[in-house]
């Protein structure tokens, strides 16, 4: 199984060396390099190893190394059979692991307002509560105990998810079976009426609104006084997403009695997922 160099013994003749080198089984060398590279950190592969020579670059730019790394670390590889595997398909899966996971960053407010753009901070503004004030604890399945809370004028925030930057391949989105699922948990205080609003919209590569009217979600929930405190999960699934690149996710809330403080609706666990 070892690699043999057939160089003639006792001679320095250049022709003999060249003839000997031609007997090397390059496929075995490539296979060995793929195995070795698959154990190296991705940063080393991309920043160092890839620059050594054209042969190494071609191997690292191929699929085999990254597929091995994905399988070894149990990344979520879609069960899709491509006629031609998309460029850097397994590399993007390894680096981003984008399929089936939440693409919203800081969905519970554990990092305060990092990753969110605040569009309006009405009344006394947004706050982060842990645990939620005047409401039930956040459901255990959410995976966090914290939430965002709103005030007596609208508090609005949003994120825009660039699916390509997150490692999603266009060819995966173009499959009929691929869907984009969005959702968020929301609640009111037990003692104050409030309004919750979720607006999600899909955009194409040029950041133009999708022509599909089903690619817009606009949901409002109004909770009367003395009826709140329970958490509710709202979800929506978008289909036919082959031309989509961006997901705009905007949530907002406010109380309906204009009380000072944060008596408006609460939200946590926002998510955007690619389902294959």
Protein backbone atom coordinates (compact mmCIF):
# COMPACT_ATOMS: atom_id res chain seq x y z
CA UNK A 1 0.00 0.00 0.00
CA UNK A 2 3.01 2.35 0.41
CA UNK A 3 4.15 4.80 -2.28
CA UNK A 4 7.25 3.53 -4.16
CA UNK A 5 9.84 5.71 -5.87
CA UNK A 6 11.48 3.73 -8.72
CA UNK A 7 14.77 5.66 -8.97
CA UNK A 8 17.72 3.65 -10.34
CA UNK A 9 20.33 2.82 -7.74
CA UNK A 10 23.81 4.28 -7.97
CA UNK A 11 23.13 6.85 -10.69
CA UNK A 12 22.41 10.56 -10.74
CA UNK A 13 21.21 10.56 -14.31
CA UNK A 14 18.38 13.06 -14.63
CA UNK A 15 16.48 10.86 -17.07
CA UNK A 16 16.47 7.99 -14.61
CA UNK A 17 15.10 10.25 -11.86
CA UNK A 18 12.38 11.57 -14.15
CA UNK A 19 11.43 8.05 -15.24
CA UNK A 20 11.31 6.94 -11.63
CA UNK A 21 9.09 9.79 -10.53
CA UNK A 22 6.61 8.96 -13.28
CA UNK A 23 5.83 5.66 -11.55
CA UNK A 24 4.41 7.40 -8.46
CA UNK A 25 0.69 6.78 -8.04
CA UNK A 26 -0.55 10.37 -7.76
CA UNK A 27 -4.05 9.25 -6.83
CA UNK A 28 -2.63 7.71 -3.66
CA UNK A 29 -0.79 10.92 -2.85
CA UNK A 30 -3.96 12.96 -3.35
CA UNK A 31 -5.96 10.56 -1.21
CA UNK A 32 -3.36 10.81 1.54
CA UNK A 33 -3.35 14.62 1.35
CA UNK A 34 -7.15 14.70 1.53
CA UNK A 35 -7.05 12.59 4.69
CA UNK A 36 -4.37 14.78 6.27
CA UNK A 37 -6.06 18.05 5.28
CA UNK A 38 -9.37 16.86 6.70
CA UNK A 39 -7.84 16.95 10.19
CA UNK A 40 -6.38 20.45 9.89
CA UNK A 41 -8.22 23.53 11.22
CA UNK A 42 -10.13 25.35 8.49
CA UNK A 43 -8.20 28.58 9.08
CA UNK A 44 -4.91 26.81 8.44
CA UNK A 45 -6.25 25.24 5.27
CA UNK A 46 -7.52 28.52 3.83
CA UNK A 47 -4.78 30.87 5.03
CA UNK A 48 -1.69 28.69 4.76
CA UNK A 49 -1.97 25.25 3.14
CA UNK A 50 -3.93 26.51 0.15
CA UNK A 51 -1.08 28.88 -0.76
CA UNK A 52 1.67 26.25 -0.89
CA UNK A 53 1.16 25.15 -4.50
CA UNK A 54 -1.44 24.72 -7.22
CA UNK A 55 -1.95 21.03 -6.42
CA UNK A 56 -2.71 21.75 -2.76
CA UNK A 57 -4.97 24.64 -3.71
CA UNK A 58 -6.98 22.43 -6.08
CA UNK A 59 -7.43 19.77 -3.41
CA UNK A 60 -8.53 22.30 -0.78
CA UNK A 61 -10.86 24.03 -3.24
CA UNK A 62 -12.46 20.69 -4.04
CA UNK A 63 -15.22 18.88 -2.17
CA UNK A 64 -13.51 15.83 -0.65
CA UNK A 65 -11.65 17.49 2.23
CA UNK A 66 -14.66 19.49 3.37
CA UNK A 67 -17.09 16.61 3.00
CA UNK A 68 -14.90 14.50 5.28
CA UNK A 69 -14.75 17.32 7.83
CA UNK A 70 -18.55 17.75 7.68
CA UNK A 71 -19.18 14.04 8.18
CA UNK A 72 -16.68 13.75 11.00
CA UNK A 73 -18.19 16.70 12.90
CA UNK A 74 -21.79 15.76 12.05
CA UNK A 75 -22.72 18.92 10.19
CA UNK A 76 -26.25 19.00 8.77
CA UNK A 77 -25.84 17.98 5.11
CA UNK A 78 -29.10 18.22 3.10
CA UNK A 79 -30.28 14.92 1.62
CA UNK A 80 -30.06 16.27 -1.93
CA UNK A 81 -28.57 14.51 -4.95
CA UNK A 82 -27.04 17.09 -7.30
CA UNK A 83 -26.06 16.36 -10.90
CA UNK A 84 -23.22 18.81 -10.26
CA UNK A 85 -22.29 19.70 -6.70
CA UNK A 86 -22.45 23.51 -6.19
CA UNK A 87 -19.17 25.40 -5.83
CA UNK A 88 -17.73 25.22 -2.30
CA UNK A 89 -20.85 23.34 -1.18
CA UNK A 90 -19.28 21.30 1.62
CA UNK A 91 -16.88 24.08 2.60
CA UNK A 92 -19.83 26.42 3.23
CA UNK A 93 -21.64 23.74 5.20
CA UNK A 94 -18.55 23.12 7.32
CA UNK A 95 -17.86 26.80 8.00
CA UNK A 96 -21.46 27.92 8.60
CA UNK A 97 -23.62 24.81 9.18
CA UNK A 98 -26.63 26.78 7.84
CA UNK A 99 -29.27 24.10 7.31
CA UNK A 100 -31.83 23.56 10.03
CA UNK A 101 -30.20 25.93 12.50
CA UNK A 102 -31.41 29.37 13.62
CA UNK A 103 -29.90 32.10 11.44
CA UNK A 104 -31.14 34.92 13.71
CA UNK A 105 -28.36 36.18 15.97
CA UNK A 106 -28.96 37.04 19.63
CA UNK A 107 -32.63 35.94 19.52
CA UNK A 108 -33.18 36.14 23.30
CA UNK A 109 -31.41 39.37 24.20
CA UNK A 110 -28.63 37.66 26.14
CA UNK A 111 -26.22 40.02 24.33
CA UNK A 112 -28.53 42.98 24.93
CA UNK A 113 -29.21 44.48 21.50
CA UNK A 114 -26.14 43.26 19.63
CA UNK A 115 -26.94 42.16 16.05
CA UNK A 116 -30.29 44.02 16.08
CA UNK A 117 -31.03 47.37 14.44
CA UNK A 118 -33.33 49.49 16.62
CA UNK A 119 -35.83 51.26 14.35
CA UNK A 120 -37.86 52.85 17.14
CA UNK A 121 -37.25 53.00 20.89
CA UNK A 122 -40.49 54.62 21.99
CA UNK A 123 -41.60 55.41 25.51
CA UNK A 124 -38.94 54.23 27.93
CA UNK A 125 -37.44 52.07 25.20
CA UNK A 126 -36.60 48.41 24.84
CA UNK A 127 -35.23 46.44 27.75
CA UNK A 128 -34.06 42.88 28.31
CA UNK A 129 -35.70 40.96 31.16
CA UNK A 130 -34.51 37.79 32.88
CA UNK A 131 -36.90 36.50 34.06
CA UNK A 132 -39.83 38.19 32.28
CA UNK A 133 -41.64 40.71 34.47
CA UNK A 134 -45.38 40.14 34.96
CA UNK A 135 -45.46 37.12 32.64
CA UNK A 136 -44.85 33.38 32.79
CA UNK A 137 -41.24 32.16 32.58
CA UNK A 138 -39.96 31.69 29.05
CA UNK A 139 -40.84 28.11 27.92
CA UNK A 140 -37.97 25.70 28.48
CA UNK A 141 -37.91 24.67 24.82
CA UNK A 142 -36.80 28.19 23.86
CA UNK A 143 -33.40 27.51 25.40
CA UNK A 144 -33.08 30.78 27.31
CA UNK A 145 -34.78 32.54 30.23
CA UNK A 146 -34.48 36.08 28.87
CA UNK A 147 -36.67 38.17 26.59
CA UNK A 148 -37.07 41.63 25.10
CA UNK A 149 -39.71 43.91 26.65
CA UNK A 150 -41.36 46.99 25.13
CA UNK A 151 -42.75 50.26 26.43
CA UNK A 152 -45.76 52.59 25.96
CA UNK A 153 -44.83 53.79 22.46
CA UNK A 154 -43.75 51.42 19.68
CA UNK A 155 -40.40 49.67 20.16
CA UNK A 156 -39.24 48.23 16.83
CA UNK A 157 -36.13 46.24 15.90
CA UNK A 158 -35.02 44.17 12.93
CA UNK A 159 -32.36 41.94 11.40
CA UNK A 160 -31.69 41.26 7.73
CA UNK A 161 -30.37 37.76 7.05
CA UNK A 162 -28.20 37.37 3.94
CA UNK A 163 -28.65 33.68 3.23
CA UNK A 164 -25.63 33.49 0.92
CA UNK A 165 -23.37 35.07 3.56
CA UNK A 166 -24.67 32.48 6.02
CA UNK A 167 -23.43 29.67 3.77
CA UNK A 168 -26.70 28.72 2.08
CA UNK A 169 -26.19 27.59 -1.52
CA UNK A 170 -28.45 29.06 -4.18
CA UNK A 171 -28.88 25.60 -5.67
CA UNK A 172 -30.36 24.36 -2.38
CA UNK A 173 -32.89 27.20 -2.30
CA UNK A 174 -33.89 26.35 -5.86
CA UNK A 175 -35.01 22.86 -4.87
CA UNK A 176 -38.78 22.56 -4.70
CA UNK A 177 -38.59 20.89 -1.30
CA UNK A 178 -36.62 23.72 0.35
CA UNK A 179 -38.56 26.03 2.66
CA UNK A 180 -37.80 29.02 4.88
CA UNK A 181 -39.39 28.79 8.32
CA UNK A 182 -39.68 31.81 10.61
CA UNK A 183 -41.21 32.40 14.01
CA UNK A 184 -41.03 33.99 17.44
CA UNK A 185 -42.44 33.62 20.95
CA UNK A 186 -44.44 36.54 22.37
CA UNK A 187 -46.31 37.34 25.59
CA UNK A 188 -48.03 40.16 27.45
CA UNK A 189 -48.00 41.13 31.10
CA UNK A 190 -50.93 39.91 33.19
CA UNK A 191 -51.93 43.48 34.18
CA UNK A 192 -51.61 45.55 30.98
CA UNK A 193 -53.08 45.35 27.49
CA UNK A 194 -50.47 45.27 24.73
CA UNK A 195 -49.87 44.80 21.02
CA UNK A 196 -47.29 42.56 19.32
CA UNK A 197 -46.38 42.85 15.63
CA UNK A 198 -44.16 40.67 13.44
CA UNK A 199 -43.34 41.60 9.85
CA UNK A 200 -41.16 39.28 7.75
CA UNK A 201 -40.43 39.77 4.07
CA UNK A 202 -38.30 37.92 1.51
CA UNK A 203 -36.10 39.67 -1.07
CA UNK A 204 -34.18 38.53 -4.13
CA UNK A 205 -30.45 38.95 -4.89
CA UNK A 206 -30.96 42.60 -5.94
CA UNK A 207 -32.82 43.24 -2.66
CA UNK A 208 -36.08 43.65 -4.53
CA UNK A 209 -39.32 42.47 -2.99
CA UNK A 210 -40.35 39.01 -4.08
CA UNK A 211 -43.19 39.06 -6.60
CA UNK A 212 -44.77 36.16 -4.73
CA UNK A 213 -47.42 37.65 -2.45
CA UNK A 214 -46.96 34.68 -0.14
CA UNK A 215 -43.42 35.85 0.63
CA UNK A 216 -44.68 38.49 3.07
CA UNK A 217 -45.81 37.74 6.62
CA UNK A 218 -47.61 40.40 8.67
CA UNK A 219 -48.89 39.20 12.04
CA UNK A 220 -50.40 41.18 14.90
CA UNK A 221 -51.60 39.99 18.28
CA UNK A 222 -53.52 42.23 20.68
CA UNK A 223 -53.79 41.07 24.29
CA UNK A 224 -56.53 42.63 26.49
CA UNK A 225 -55.79 43.65 30.08
CA UNK A 226 -55.90 40.86 32.71
CA UNK A 227 -55.74 38.09 30.09
CA UNK A 228 -52.01 37.96 29.34
CA UNK A 229 -48.85 36.39 30.80
CA UNK A 230 -48.86 33.16 28.73
CA UNK A 231 -46.29 32.71 25.96
CA UNK A 232 -47.49 32.07 22.40
CA UNK A 233 -45.45 30.77 19.47
CA UNK A 234 -46.15 32.16 16.01
CA UNK A 235 -44.61 30.41 13.00
CA UNK A 236 -44.84 30.71 9.25
CA UNK A 237 -43.29 28.64 6.44
CA UNK A 238 -42.41 30.13 3.05
CA UNK A 239 -42.27 27.92 -0.05
CA UNK A 240 -40.95 28.43 -3.60
CA UNK A 241 -37.90 30.31 -2.37
CA UNK A 242 -35.57 29.65 -5.31
CA UNK A 243 -34.94 33.34 -6.10
CA UNK A 244 -34.57 34.49 -2.48
CA UNK A 245 -31.38 35.77 -0.88
CA UNK A 246 -32.45 38.09 1.97
CA UNK A 247 -34.90 37.67 4.86
CA UNK A 248 -35.99 40.84 6.67
CA UNK A 249 -37.24 40.02 10.18
CA UNK A 250 -38.85 42.89 12.11
CA UNK A 251 -40.69 42.62 15.43
CA UNK A 252 -42.27 45.32 17.57
CA UNK A 253 -44.57 45.93 20.49
CA UNK A 254 -46.04 48.48 22.89
CA UNK A 255 -48.56 48.62 25.68
CA UNK A 256 -52.07 49.97 25.09
CA UNK A 257 -52.47 51.87 28.37
CA UNK A 258 -49.48 54.22 28.13
CA UNK A 259 -47.96 53.20 31.45
CA UNK A 260 -44.43 54.36 32.21
CA UNK A 261 -41.90 51.54 32.21
CA UNK A 262 -41.94 48.33 30.18
CA UNK A 263 -45.52 47.11 30.26
CA UNK A 264 -45.71 46.36 26.54
CA UNK A 265 -45.50 43.02 24.78
CA UNK A 266 -42.47 40.77 25.18
CA UNK A 267 -40.71 38.64 22.58
CA UNK A 268 -37.96 36.03 22.51
CA UNK A 269 -36.65 33.08 20.51
CA UNK A 270 -36.94 34.68 17.07
CA UNK A 271 -35.80 32.27 14.36
CA UNK A 272 -35.18 31.93 10.64
CA UNK A 273 -34.38 28.40 9.43
CA UNK A 274 -33.71 26.75 6.09
CA UNK A 275 -35.64 23.48 5.92
CA UNK A 276 -34.57 20.99 3.23
